[in-house]
Protein backbone atom coordinates (compact mmCIF):
# COMPACT_ATOMS: atom_id res chain seq x y z
CA MET A 1 130.93 188.35 130.31
CA ALA A 2 129.58 191.12 128.20
CA GLN A 3 129.36 187.54 124.96
CA GLY A 4 127.13 185.93 127.85
CA GLN A 5 125.25 188.96 128.67
CA ASP A 6 124.27 188.85 125.05
CA THR A 7 123.15 185.22 124.48
CA GLN A 8 121.09 186.01 127.77
CA ASP A 9 119.31 188.93 126.09
CA ALA A 10 118.80 186.69 122.74
CA GLN A 11 117.45 183.81 124.98
CA ASP A 12 115.24 186.53 126.95
CA LEU A 13 114.47 188.42 123.33
CA ASP A 14 112.56 185.38 121.47
CA GLU A 15 111.31 183.96 124.81
CA ASN A 16 109.37 187.31 125.55
CA GLU A 17 108.11 187.41 121.55
CA GLY A 18 107.21 183.90 121.12
CA ALA A 19 105.04 183.81 124.67
CA GLU A 20 102.81 186.23 122.34
CA GLY A 21 103.22 184.20 119.26
CA PHE A 22 105.43 187.24 118.02
CA ASP A 23 107.27 184.78 116.15
CA ALA A 24 108.19 184.83 112.36
CA ARG A 25 108.11 181.37 111.65
CA HIS A 26 104.24 181.08 112.74
CA GLY A 27 103.26 184.31 111.23
CA GLN A 28 105.31 187.60 110.05
CA ALA A 29 107.11 190.54 111.88
CA PRO A 30 105.24 194.04 112.10
CA GLY A 31 104.63 195.59 108.90
CA LEU A 32 107.04 193.25 107.16
CA GLY A 33 106.26 190.21 104.62
CA ARG A 34 107.58 186.49 105.47
CA ALA A 35 110.95 186.86 103.83
CA ALA A 36 112.08 190.07 105.76
CA SER A 37 110.63 188.53 108.70
CA GLU A 38 113.23 185.39 108.19
CA ILE A 39 115.62 187.87 109.25
CA PHE A 40 113.61 189.82 111.71
CA PHE A 41 113.80 186.14 114.29
CA SER A 42 116.44 184.75 112.91
CA GLU A 43 119.46 183.88 115.70
CA ASN A 44 122.94 184.48 113.01
CA TRP A 45 124.07 187.95 113.37
CA PHE A 46 123.66 187.72 108.82
CA THR A 47 120.81 186.36 107.23
CA PHE A 48 120.09 186.49 103.40
CA SER A 49 115.82 185.90 102.06
CA GLY A 50 113.73 187.29 99.56
CA TYR A 51 111.44 187.12 96.90
CA GLY A 52 111.32 186.51 93.01
CA GLU A 53 108.64 186.23 90.30
CA ILE A 54 108.20 186.27 86.82
CA ALA A 55 104.48 187.29 85.35
CA ILE A 56 103.30 187.32 81.54
CA ASN A 57 100.38 188.95 80.53
CA THR A 58 98.71 188.64 76.88
CA ALA A 59 95.40 189.92 75.17
CA PHE A 60 95.97 187.62 72.48
CA ASP A 61 96.53 190.59 69.98
CA GLU A 62 93.27 192.31 71.13
CA PRO A 63 94.14 196.50 72.15
CA ARG A 64 95.13 197.21 75.64
CA ASP A 65 94.01 200.09 77.11
CA ARG A 66 97.34 201.97 77.72
CA SER A 67 95.77 205.29 78.60
CA SER A 68 97.27 205.29 82.08
CA GLN A 69 100.86 205.78 80.49
CA ASP A 70 102.13 203.43 83.21
CA LEU A 71 103.82 200.64 82.10
CA GLY A 72 104.26 198.70 85.04
CA LEU A 73 99.82 198.89 84.73
CA TYR A 74 100.04 197.00 80.76
CA TYR A 75 103.36 195.69 80.75
CA ASP A 76 103.18 192.04 78.76
CA THR A 77 106.50 190.91 80.94
CA LEU A 78 107.45 191.28 84.42
CA ILE A 79 110.67 190.23 86.16
CA ARG A 80 111.05 191.20 90.03
CA VAL A 81 114.00 190.46 92.32
CA ALA A 82 114.06 191.72 95.93
CA PRO A 83 116.66 190.24 98.15
CA PHE A 84 116.95 191.05 101.47
CA LEU A 85 120.23 191.75 103.59
CA GLY A 86 119.22 191.25 107.61
CA PHE A 87 122.91 192.30 109.99
CA ARG A 88 121.86 191.28 113.96
CA LEU A 89 124.16 194.25 115.13
CA LEU A 90 123.22 193.51 118.74
CA PRO A 91 120.92 191.14 119.84
CA ARG A 92 117.95 193.97 120.47
CA VAL A 93 118.77 195.45 117.22
CA LEU A 94 118.65 194.53 113.41
CA TRP A 95 119.69 196.46 110.55
CA ILE A 96 117.53 195.25 107.25
CA THR A 97 118.06 196.30 103.78
CA GLU A 98 115.86 194.91 100.65
CA LEU A 99 117.76 195.62 97.46
CA GLY A 100 114.22 195.34 95.02
CA LEU A 101 115.32 195.36 91.03
CA GLU A 102 112.05 195.05 88.55
CA PHE A 103 111.99 194.86 84.63
CA VAL A 104 109.12 195.58 82.70
CA GLN A 105 108.30 195.17 79.10
CA GLY A 106 105.72 195.65 76.57
CA SER A 107 104.41 197.54 73.77
CA GLY A 108 107.73 197.73 72.48
CA GLU A 109 109.63 199.75 74.77
CA PHE A 110 110.69 198.70 78.79
CA ILE A 111 111.67 200.12 82.10
CA ILE A 112 113.81 198.57 85.04
CA ASP A 113 113.41 199.97 88.34
CA PHE A 114 115.20 199.77 92.16
CA PHE A 115 113.33 200.00 94.69
CA PRO A 116 115.40 199.92 97.78
CA GLU A 117 114.47 199.84 101.63
CA THR A 118 116.71 199.61 104.94
CA TYR A 119 116.12 200.35 107.91
CA PHE A 120 116.82 199.34 111.84
CA ASP A 121 114.89 197.70 114.52
CA ILE A 122 115.12 198.13 118.04
CA ILE A 123 113.49 195.07 119.66
CA GLY A 124 112.09 196.36 123.20
CA ARG A 125 109.28 194.64 124.68
CA THR A 126 106.37 192.43 123.01
CA GLU A 127 104.25 195.59 124.12
CA ILE A 128 106.89 198.60 122.02
CA SER A 129 109.78 198.44 119.38
CA PHE A 130 111.09 201.00 117.34
CA ARG A 131 111.58 201.33 113.78
CA ILE A 132 113.85 203.73 112.21
CA GLY A 133 114.82 204.25 107.94
CA LEU A 134 113.18 203.89 104.77
CA GLN A 135 110.65 201.73 105.52
CA PRO A 136 107.54 200.19 104.26
CA LEU A 137 104.48 202.42 105.08
CA PHE A 138 101.60 200.36 107.03
CA LEU A 139 98.84 201.01 104.77
CA GLY A 140 96.23 198.49 102.63
CA TYR A 141 97.02 194.76 102.70
CA ILE A 142 100.06 194.34 99.51
CA ASN A 143 102.28 197.30 100.85
CA ASN A 144 103.34 194.72 104.13
CA ASN A 145 102.78 191.37 101.83
CA GLU A 146 104.46 192.10 98.56
CA GLU A 147 105.80 188.31 98.19
CA PRO A 148 103.67 186.90 95.60
CA VAL A 149 103.22 183.75 97.68
CA LEU A 150 100.85 185.89 99.73
CA TYR A 151 98.13 186.90 97.73
CA GLN A 152 96.37 184.76 94.75
CA SER A 153 96.43 186.45 91.66
CA VAL A 154 99.35 186.79 89.23
CA ASN A 155 99.13 191.00 89.20
CA ARG A 156 98.46 192.56 92.49
CA PRO A 157 94.79 193.84 93.03
CA GLU A 158 94.67 197.32 91.10
CA VAL A 159 93.24 198.94 93.97
CA GLU A 160 96.30 198.84 95.45
CA ARG A 161 98.13 199.61 92.98
CA LEU A 162 96.23 202.51 91.24
CA ILE A 163 94.83 203.72 94.87
CA ILE A 164 97.14 202.90 97.55
CA PRO A 165 100.68 202.67 95.91
CA SER A 166 102.24 199.27 95.94
CA GLU A 167 105.76 199.46 97.39
CA TRP A 168 105.45 203.12 99.23
CA VAL A 169 108.54 203.73 101.08
CA GLU A 170 109.66 206.75 103.04
CA ALA A 171 112.13 207.83 105.29
CA GLY A 172 110.61 207.81 108.85
CA VAL A 173 110.65 207.05 112.68
CA GLY A 174 108.34 205.00 114.65
CA ALA A 175 106.97 202.06 117.24
CA TYR A 176 104.89 199.21 116.90
CA GLY A 177 103.95 196.34 119.30
CA ALA A 178 101.26 194.45 120.94
CA ALA A 179 98.79 194.17 123.37
CA HIS A 180 96.08 191.45 124.47
CA ASP A 181 94.06 191.16 121.28
CA PHE A 182 95.57 194.11 119.43
CA THR A 183 98.78 195.32 116.94
CA TYR A 184 99.30 198.94 116.31
CA ALA A 185 101.71 201.22 114.79
CA LEU A 186 102.63 205.10 114.33
CA MET A 187 105.40 206.58 112.98
CA VAL A 188 106.10 210.09 111.54
CA THR A 189 107.59 210.37 107.86
CA HIS A 190 108.49 211.95 104.68
CA GLY A 191 105.72 213.19 102.58
CA PRO A 192 105.45 212.22 98.48
CA ASP A 193 105.87 214.05 96.03
CA LEU A 194 103.23 215.21 94.64
CA GLY A 195 104.69 217.13 91.62
CA GLU A 196 105.30 213.50 90.03
CA ALA A 197 101.80 212.82 89.96
CA GLN A 198 100.15 212.04 87.04
CA SER A 199 96.07 212.48 86.27
CA SER A 200 95.21 208.30 85.72
CA THR A 201 96.81 207.00 88.59
CA TRP A 202 96.41 209.49 91.43
CA ILE A 203 99.51 209.32 94.01
CA ARG A 204 101.31 206.52 92.54
CA HIS A 205 104.26 208.25 91.41
CA GLY A 206 104.60 211.16 93.39
CA ALA A 207 105.29 207.62 96.29
CA GLU A 208 108.55 206.33 94.74
CA VAL A 209 110.97 205.90 96.81
CA ARG A 210 112.96 209.26 97.17
CA PHE A 211 115.13 210.57 99.42
CA GLU A 212 114.34 213.94 99.52
CA ASN A 213 111.93 215.33 101.84
CA TYR A 214 108.85 217.07 100.46
CA GLY A 215 106.85 217.19 103.76
CA ILE A 216 105.85 215.47 106.78
CA GLY A 217 103.49 212.83 107.03
CA VAL A 218 101.75 210.23 109.88
CA ASN A 219 101.13 207.10 109.32
CA GLY A 220 99.28 204.77 111.97
CA GLN A 221 97.78 201.08 112.15
CA LEU A 222 95.68 198.98 113.83
CA ALA A 223 94.71 195.55 113.78
CA TYR A 224 92.30 193.05 115.64
CA LEU A 225 93.08 189.48 115.93
CA GLY A 226 90.75 188.54 118.41
CA ILE A 227 88.50 186.60 116.35
CA PRO A 228 89.74 183.05 115.40
CA PHE A 229 91.41 183.13 112.21
CA THR A 230 90.69 186.34 111.17
CA GLU A 231 92.20 189.54 111.11
CA LEU A 232 90.93 193.18 110.83
CA VAL A 233 92.89 195.99 110.34
CA LEU A 234 92.56 199.86 110.04
CA SER A 235 95.32 201.92 108.30
CA GLY A 236 95.35 205.66 107.53
CA TYR A 237 97.84 207.78 106.51
CA TRP A 238 97.88 212.02 106.44
CA SER A 239 100.82 214.17 104.97
CA TYR A 240 100.97 217.78 104.82
CA THR A 241 103.29 218.09 101.57
CA GLY A 242 104.23 220.33 99.05
CA SER A 243 108.16 221.46 100.32
CA GLY A 244 106.62 225.24 99.66
CA ARG A 245 107.84 225.49 95.95
CA THR A 246 106.29 228.21 94.27
CA ILE A 247 103.46 228.08 92.16
CA ASP A 248 101.08 230.00 90.03
CA THR A 249 97.19 229.55 90.38
CA GLY A 250 96.34 232.89 88.50
CA SER A 251 96.19 235.13 91.13
CA GLY A 252 100.14 235.48 91.77
CA PRO A 253 103.24 233.37 92.84
CA GLU A 254 102.10 231.56 96.02
CA SER A 255 103.70 229.08 98.38
CA PHE A 256 102.53 225.16 97.67
CA TRP A 257 101.50 222.86 100.72
CA THR A 258 98.48 220.72 101.05
CA ASN A 259 96.94 218.31 103.41
CA MET A 260 96.32 214.80 101.66
CA GLY A 261 95.65 211.80 103.36
CA MET A 262 93.95 208.31 103.05
CA ALA A 263 92.91 205.57 105.10
CA SER A 264 92.17 201.90 104.31
CA LEU A 265 90.31 199.20 105.87
CA HIS A 266 90.93 194.98 105.59
CA THR A 267 89.84 192.12 106.91
CA ARG A 268 91.12 188.69 105.86
CA ALA A 269 89.47 185.13 107.75
CA ASP A 270 90.93 181.85 106.65
CA TYR A 271 89.49 178.28 107.89
CA GLU A 272 89.64 175.04 106.83
CA GLY A 273 90.89 175.79 102.97
CA LEU A 274 88.81 178.93 102.96
CA THR A 275 90.44 182.62 102.61
CA PHE A 276 87.88 185.64 102.88
CA MET A 277 89.32 189.01 101.82
CA ALA A 278 87.81 192.63 101.85
CA LEU A 279 89.37 195.63 101.42
CA GLY A 280 88.68 199.43 100.90
CA THR A 281 90.28 202.68 100.93
CA VAL A 282 89.49 205.70 100.25
CA GLY A 283 91.24 209.27 99.86
CA PHE A 284 91.86 212.56 99.71
CA ILE A 285 93.99 215.75 98.27
CA GLU A 286 92.66 219.32 99.54
CA ASP A 287 94.83 221.65 97.02
CA THR A 288 94.26 219.45 93.61
CA VAL A 289 94.25 222.99 91.81
CA GLY A 290 97.75 223.70 93.06
CA VAL A 291 98.91 220.20 92.13
CA PHE A 292 97.76 220.98 88.77
CA ALA A 293 99.70 224.34 88.86
CA LEU A 294 102.97 222.33 90.08
CA THR A 295 102.69 219.20 87.99
CA GLY A 296 102.15 221.66 84.80
CA GLN A 297 105.10 223.77 86.12
CA GLU A 298 107.48 220.56 86.75
CA HIS A 299 106.63 218.62 83.30
CA GLY A 300 104.96 221.21 80.82
CA ALA A 301 101.02 219.66 81.51
CA GLY A 302 99.38 219.95 84.24
CA GLN A 303 97.70 217.23 85.85
CA VAL A 304 94.35 216.84 86.94
CA LEU A 305 94.06 214.75 89.91
CA GLY A 306 90.73 213.92 92.37
CA ASP A 307 90.46 215.56 95.52
CA PHE A 308 88.46 212.34 96.41
CA VAL A 309 89.19 209.24 95.27
CA TYR A 310 87.85 205.21 96.29
CA GLY A 311 88.54 201.79 95.61
CA ALA A 312 87.51 198.44 97.24
CA TYR A 313 87.78 194.61 96.48
CA VAL A 314 86.51 191.80 97.81
CA GLU A 315 88.00 187.60 97.12
CA LEU A 316 87.05 184.39 97.85
CA ALA A 317 89.21 181.76 97.60
CA TYR A 318 89.19 177.47 98.08
CA ASP A 319 91.68 175.46 98.46
CA ILE A 320 90.85 172.05 96.41
CA ALA A 321 93.44 170.30 97.72
CA HIS A 322 92.76 170.97 101.36
CA THR A 323 90.62 167.46 102.04
CA TRP A 324 92.83 165.14 99.93
CA ALA A 325 95.88 166.53 100.73
CA GLN A 326 95.16 165.98 104.18
CA GLN A 327 93.58 162.39 103.88
CA PHE A 328 96.14 160.79 101.81
CA ARG A 329 99.59 162.74 103.52
CA SER A 330 99.97 159.62 106.23
CA VAL A 331 100.19 157.27 103.02
CA VAL A 332 103.07 159.67 100.66
CA ASP A 333 104.31 161.86 103.33
CA ARG A 334 107.74 162.06 103.29
CA PRO A 335 109.93 164.63 105.43
CA THR A 336 112.94 165.33 103.06
CA SER A 337 110.73 166.32 100.60
CA PRO A 338 109.97 169.69 99.35
CA PHE A 339 106.83 168.61 97.76
CA ARG A 340 105.15 167.17 100.41
CA ILE A 341 101.36 166.28 99.61
CA GLY A 342 100.23 167.39 103.14
CA GLU A 343 101.48 170.57 101.60
CA VAL A 344 99.94 170.99 98.44
CA ALA A 345 97.56 173.76 98.10
CA LEU A 346 95.46 174.28 95.02
CA PRO A 347 93.64 176.93 95.72
CA VAL A 348 91.11 178.51 93.52
CA PHE A 349 89.49 181.92 93.42
CA VAL A 350 88.21 184.97 92.38
CA ARG A 351 87.94 188.80 93.24
CA TYR A 352 86.03 191.79 92.09
CA GLU A 353 87.47 195.33 92.05
CA ARG A 354 85.96 198.77 92.28
CA LEU A 355 87.79 202.24 92.01
CA ASP A 356 87.85 205.44 91.29
CA THR A 357 90.69 207.62 90.87
CA HIS A 358 88.76 210.85 89.54
CA ALA A 359 85.25 210.21 92.06
CA SER A 360 85.45 213.85 93.06
CA VAL A 361 87.17 216.72 90.88
CA ASP A 362 87.21 220.33 92.07
CA PRO A 363 85.49 222.34 89.88
CA ALA A 364 88.32 224.58 88.84
CA LEU A 365 89.86 221.68 87.10
CA ALA A 366 86.26 220.27 85.78
CA GLY A 367 87.15 222.34 81.87
CA GLU A 368 90.06 220.60 81.95
CA ALA A 369 91.27 217.42 79.97
CA TYR A 370 92.54 214.24 82.02
CA LEU A 371 92.95 210.69 82.27
CA SER A 372 90.91 208.29 84.42
CA ASN A 373 90.84 204.78 85.48
CA ASP A 374 86.89 204.43 86.52
CA LEU A 375 87.29 200.55 86.99
CA HIS A 376 85.27 197.24 87.40
CA VAL A 377 87.83 194.43 87.44
CA LEU A 378 86.92 190.49 87.80
CA VAL A 379 89.59 188.40 88.17
CA VAL A 380 89.11 184.36 88.57
CA GLY A 381 92.07 182.06 88.48
CA MET A 382 93.93 179.11 90.47
CA ASN A 383 97.53 178.55 91.68
CA TYR A 384 99.60 175.05 92.04
CA ARG A 385 101.57 175.90 95.39
CA PRO A 386 103.73 172.62 96.45
CA ASN A 387 104.87 174.21 99.50
CA HIS A 388 104.44 177.26 101.10
CA VAL A 389 107.12 179.13 99.77
CA VAL A 390 105.86 178.66 95.35
CA ALA A 391 103.82 179.62 93.73
CA PHE A 392 102.21 178.62 90.25
CA LYS A 393 100.04 180.98 89.29
CA VAL A 394 96.81 181.44 86.50
CA ASP A 395 94.07 183.78 85.61
CA GLY A 396 92.00 185.76 83.74
CA ARG A 397 91.05 189.45 84.17
CA PHE A 398 88.72 191.27 82.29
CA ARG A 399 89.08 194.98 83.36
CA LYS A 400 86.17 197.76 82.07
CA ASN A 401 86.70 201.46 82.05
CA LEU A 402 83.97 203.36 82.34
CA SER A 403 86.43 206.40 81.59
CA ALA A 404 88.34 205.31 78.54
CA PRO A 405 89.46 207.82 76.36
CA ALA A 406 88.64 207.71 72.72
CA GLY A 407 91.34 205.58 70.99
CA SER A 408 91.44 203.04 73.78
CA PRO A 409 89.63 199.71 74.77
CA SER A 410 87.01 200.10 77.53
CA MET A 411 86.81 196.98 78.14
CA GLU A 412 90.13 194.29 78.15
CA SER A 413 90.08 190.30 78.74
CA LEU A 414 94.11 189.45 79.70
CA LEU A 415 95.55 186.30 80.73
CA GLU A 416 97.61 186.07 83.05
CA VAL A 417 100.22 183.45 84.25
CA GLY A 418 102.87 183.64 86.85
CA VAL A 419 105.67 181.84 89.33
CA GLY A 420 106.43 183.61 92.67
CA LEU A 421 109.02 181.93 95.26
CA GLU A 422 110.84 182.95 98.52
CA PHE A 423 114.40 182.54 98.94
């Protein structure tokens, strides 16, 4: 009797989700990339999926801007593998774990990073479901679309590395769902560790995966899907963080807490081989003087963070294979082949980015030395995608830092090649 009821529950769940188009075979699960979505809608008790990528950057022996002191931003070689393990504990209860591993090498050094996620989804109706655990925030585009087949360039946009930290994962609990032409998510999370922040990369290092709690955060997202072939997504994050650690800003010991927050707005439209993408984001930290004191105490050198930052990019891509692939599909299409011509894509793209990690600095810190990224970035490239799970990429990245320190080049011209796949 129990087994029969479980089967009926699973059938009801599939019907409810499919009726609203909440089906990973035609899209993505809320807040998750395609690899995790395969697990989300699998009918098996255990599902294995994931993605991997290799990227190589070269400046042809020209000097690189290493002022960020973050190898992840100026590496020569990157290898990233992210397997997902999914368990359907009950027809409406999923346990999903990502065991991401990243190797980056360059400038005579290398680092290996581990970026785990593990969370439970309790699936209700289309209007509301719940997620609890160590999970990606609903913020920007890349944080919920991390697979390399879901973006055009070899490297992720710099706006979504330096301003919005990519792979931003926090422990939390929340709800998500859909109604009419809208989807939403709202969650309560841990706060970032601003004691690990660095001036050149804002809160990037404070948003790395940690199991300690440094404060409380609230994350929300609202997406409008009522325009054909288009999504419009507003995301936000606020945190009261600091964990009350004792600092001294010159007026005696005090307990450190501060408000910080971010907001992003992005739109993406796909139609007849043409893809348009635009994203803008802003962020603030209320007490950067306190952050300076905290980082000085914990690492011996105070970090001057911008109390206001911004970033934006716009990207246009066109699949030059769209027309001929459709025309010749009936002639050479072989259903058993992974290289069916009807699925081939050859998108060419151009992207312009603008960001500033120190758009505003507290006057009390104006006399302190700090590293900054005030960037103009142009990326031009193309992909070869023989099917929807593999992408071969090449692009040129032209980067100008208006705040490059002495000894670092203000201009960089990079050739980037890479391959990404889902499995």
